[in-house]
């Protein structure tokens, strides 16, 4: 279960739902549905953290919010 804040919104320009994780710079995903965007960003969060570890970068502690939309 993710512990980072996730903001999901509809983008008319992209014709998709966009899910952003403000605490993880550059961490975002999209999807045709709200649920798809959320599922995709959960995968991307894991990949973001894995990449940060591999590069020796710090990983921000989540602020404790689960999901905010």
N, C-alpha and C. Protein backbone atom coordinates (compact mmCIF):
# COMPACT_ATOMS: atom_id res chain seq x y z
N UNK A 1 0.85 -1.19 0.00
CA UNK A 1 0.00 0.00 0.00
C UNK A 1 0.89 1.24 0.00
N UNK A 2 0.54 2.17 -0.86
CA UNK A 2 1.33 3.39 -0.93
C UNK A 2 1.01 4.29 0.24
N UNK A 3 1.98 5.09 0.63
CA UNK A 3 1.79 6.02 1.74
C UNK A 3 2.03 7.45 1.31
N UNK A 4 2.35 7.65 0.05
CA UNK A 4 2.58 8.99 -0.46
C UNK A 4 1.27 9.61 -0.94
N UNK A 5 1.19 10.92 -0.83
CA UNK A 5 0.04 11.64 -1.33
C UNK A 5 -0.01 11.50 -2.85
N UNK A 6 -1.18 11.19 -3.38
CA UNK A 6 -1.38 11.08 -4.82
C UNK A 6 -2.50 12.03 -5.21
N UNK A 7 -2.23 12.87 -6.19
CA UNK A 7 -3.23 13.79 -6.71
C UNK A 7 -3.62 13.31 -8.10
N UNK A 8 -4.92 13.08 -8.29
CA UNK A 8 -5.41 12.57 -9.58
C UNK A 8 -6.39 13.59 -10.16
N UNK A 9 -6.20 13.91 -11.42
CA UNK A 9 -7.09 14.87 -12.08
C UNK A 9 -7.22 14.50 -13.56
N UNK A 10 -8.28 15.00 -14.17
CA UNK A 10 -8.53 14.78 -15.59
C UNK A 10 -7.78 15.84 -16.39
N UNK A 11 -7.08 15.43 -17.43
CA UNK A 11 -6.39 16.34 -18.33
C UNK A 11 -7.07 16.28 -19.70
N UNK A 12 -7.75 17.36 -20.05
CA UNK A 12 -8.40 17.41 -21.36
C UNK A 12 -7.34 17.39 -22.47
N UNK A 13 -6.21 18.02 -22.21
CA UNK A 13 -5.13 18.08 -23.20
C UNK A 13 -4.62 16.67 -23.53
N UNK A 14 -4.45 15.85 -22.51
CA UNK A 14 -3.95 14.49 -22.70
C UNK A 14 -5.05 13.46 -22.87
N UNK A 15 -6.29 13.88 -22.63
CA UNK A 15 -7.46 13.00 -22.67
C UNK A 15 -7.22 11.75 -21.81
N UNK A 16 -6.76 12.02 -20.58
CA UNK A 16 -6.47 10.94 -19.64
C UNK A 16 -6.48 11.49 -18.23
N UNK A 17 -6.62 10.58 -17.26
CA UNK A 17 -6.44 10.96 -15.87
C UNK A 17 -4.94 10.97 -15.58
N UNK A 18 -4.49 11.98 -14.86
CA UNK A 18 -3.09 12.12 -14.49
C UNK A 18 -2.99 11.92 -12.98
N UNK A 19 -2.04 11.10 -12.56
CA UNK A 19 -1.77 10.87 -11.15
C UNK A 19 -0.36 11.36 -10.84
N UNK A 20 -0.25 12.33 -9.94
CA UNK A 20 1.05 12.89 -9.58
C UNK A 20 1.34 12.62 -8.12
N UNK A 21 2.63 12.46 -7.81
CA UNK A 21 3.09 12.24 -6.43
C UNK A 21 4.00 13.41 -6.07
N UNK A 22 3.45 14.45 -5.44
CA UNK A 22 4.23 15.67 -5.18
C UNK A 22 5.51 15.45 -4.38
N UNK A 23 5.53 14.47 -3.50
CA UNK A 23 6.70 14.25 -2.66
C UNK A 23 7.86 13.57 -3.39
N UNK A 24 7.58 13.00 -4.56
CA UNK A 24 8.61 12.32 -5.34
C UNK A 24 8.76 13.05 -6.68
N UNK A 25 9.73 13.94 -6.79
CA UNK A 25 9.87 14.76 -8.00
C UNK A 25 9.86 13.94 -9.29
N UNK A 26 9.00 14.36 -10.21
CA UNK A 26 8.91 13.70 -11.51
C UNK A 26 8.11 12.42 -11.52
N UNK A 27 7.54 12.04 -10.39
CA UNK A 27 6.80 10.79 -10.29
C UNK A 27 5.34 11.03 -10.67
N UNK A 28 4.94 10.50 -11.81
CA UNK A 28 3.58 10.68 -12.30
C UNK A 28 3.24 9.56 -13.28
N UNK A 29 1.97 9.35 -13.47
CA UNK A 29 1.49 8.35 -14.43
C UNK A 29 0.14 8.80 -14.94
N UNK A 30 -0.35 8.13 -15.97
CA UNK A 30 -1.67 8.46 -16.48
C UNK A 30 -2.46 7.17 -16.70
N UNK A 31 -3.72 7.35 -17.06
CA UNK A 31 -4.57 6.21 -17.35
C UNK A 31 -5.88 6.67 -17.96
N UNK A 32 -6.54 5.77 -18.66
CA UNK A 32 -7.82 6.09 -19.29
C UNK A 32 -8.92 6.28 -18.25
N UNK A 33 -8.75 5.64 -17.08
CA UNK A 33 -9.72 5.77 -15.99
C UNK A 33 -8.99 6.21 -14.73
N UNK A 34 -9.76 6.66 -13.77
CA UNK A 34 -9.21 7.06 -12.47
C UNK A 34 -8.45 5.89 -11.85
N UNK A 35 -9.07 4.72 -11.84
CA UNK A 35 -8.46 3.53 -11.23
C UNK A 35 -7.19 3.11 -11.97
N UNK A 36 -7.20 3.22 -13.29
CA UNK A 36 -6.02 2.86 -14.06
C UNK A 36 -4.86 3.80 -13.74
N UNK A 37 -5.15 5.10 -13.64
CA UNK A 37 -4.12 6.07 -13.29
C UNK A 37 -3.54 5.77 -11.91
N UNK A 38 -4.40 5.43 -10.95
CA UNK A 38 -3.94 5.10 -9.61
C UNK A 38 -3.08 3.83 -9.62
N UNK A 39 -3.53 2.82 -10.31
CA UNK A 39 -2.76 1.57 -10.41
C UNK A 39 -1.40 1.82 -11.06
N UNK A 40 -1.40 2.59 -12.12
CA UNK A 40 -0.15 2.88 -12.83
C UNK A 40 0.82 3.66 -11.95
N UNK A 41 0.31 4.64 -11.19
CA UNK A 41 1.21 5.44 -10.37
C UNK A 41 1.75 4.62 -9.20
N UNK A 42 1.00 3.66 -8.72
CA UNK A 42 1.52 2.78 -7.67
C UNK A 42 2.75 2.01 -8.18
N UNK A 43 2.68 1.56 -9.41
CA UNK A 43 3.82 0.88 -10.03
C UNK A 43 5.00 1.84 -10.18
N UNK A 44 4.72 3.05 -10.63
CA UNK A 44 5.76 4.05 -10.86
C UNK A 44 6.42 4.46 -9.55
N UNK A 45 5.65 4.54 -8.46
CA UNK A 45 6.23 4.86 -7.15
C UNK A 45 7.30 3.83 -6.80
N UNK A 46 6.96 2.55 -6.97
CA UNK A 46 7.93 1.49 -6.69
C UNK A 46 9.18 1.62 -7.53
N UNK A 47 9.00 1.92 -8.81
CA UNK A 47 10.14 2.09 -9.71
C UNK A 47 10.97 3.32 -9.35
N UNK A 48 10.29 4.40 -8.95
CA UNK A 48 10.97 5.63 -8.55
C UNK A 48 11.87 5.33 -7.35
N UNK A 49 11.33 4.64 -6.35
CA UNK A 49 12.09 4.32 -5.14
C UNK A 49 13.25 3.39 -5.47
N UNK A 50 13.01 2.39 -6.29
CA UNK A 50 14.07 1.45 -6.68
C UNK A 50 15.21 2.17 -7.39
N UNK A 51 14.87 3.06 -8.31
CA UNK A 51 15.88 3.82 -9.04
C UNK A 51 16.66 4.74 -8.11
N UNK A 52 15.97 5.40 -7.19
CA UNK A 52 16.64 6.28 -6.23
C UNK A 52 17.65 5.50 -5.39
N UNK A 53 17.25 4.32 -4.95
CA UNK A 53 18.17 3.47 -4.17
C UNK A 53 19.40 3.09 -5.00
N UNK A 54 19.17 2.68 -6.24
CA UNK A 54 20.28 2.28 -7.12
C UNK A 54 21.26 3.43 -7.35
N UNK A 55 20.74 4.66 -7.40
CA UNK A 55 21.57 5.83 -7.64
C UNK A 55 22.13 6.44 -6.36
N UNK A 56 21.75 5.87 -5.21
CA UNK A 56 22.23 6.38 -3.93
C UNK A 56 21.58 7.69 -3.52
N UNK A 57 20.42 7.96 -4.05
CA UNK A 57 19.71 9.21 -3.72
C UNK A 57 18.80 9.00 -2.52
N UNK A 58 18.51 10.09 -1.83
CA UNK A 58 17.63 9.99 -0.67
C UNK A 58 16.19 9.79 -1.11
N UNK A 59 15.46 9.08 -0.28
CA UNK A 59 14.04 8.81 -0.55
C UNK A 59 13.24 9.53 0.53
N UNK A 60 12.40 10.48 0.14
CA UNK A 60 11.63 11.23 1.14
C UNK A 60 10.70 10.32 1.93
N UNK A 61 10.60 10.58 3.22
CA UNK A 61 9.63 9.88 4.04
C UNK A 61 8.24 10.41 3.69
N UNK A 62 7.25 9.52 3.56
CA UNK A 62 5.90 10.00 3.28
C UNK A 62 5.37 10.82 4.46
N UNK A 63 4.56 11.80 4.15
CA UNK A 63 3.99 12.66 5.19
C UNK A 63 2.87 11.98 5.95
N UNK A 64 2.47 10.79 5.51
CA UNK A 64 1.45 10.07 6.23
C UNK A 64 0.08 10.10 5.58
N UNK A 65 -0.07 10.84 4.52
CA UNK A 65 -1.34 10.85 3.81
C UNK A 65 -1.39 9.61 2.93
N UNK A 66 -2.56 9.02 2.77
CA UNK A 66 -2.67 7.84 1.93
C UNK A 66 -2.93 8.24 0.50
N UNK A 67 -4.13 8.61 0.18
CA UNK A 67 -4.45 9.02 -1.18
C UNK A 67 -5.36 10.24 -1.10
N UNK A 68 -5.02 11.26 -1.83
CA UNK A 68 -5.81 12.48 -1.88
C UNK A 68 -6.14 12.76 -3.33
N UNK A 69 -7.41 12.94 -3.61
CA UNK A 69 -7.77 13.26 -4.99
C UNK A 69 -8.81 14.33 -5.00
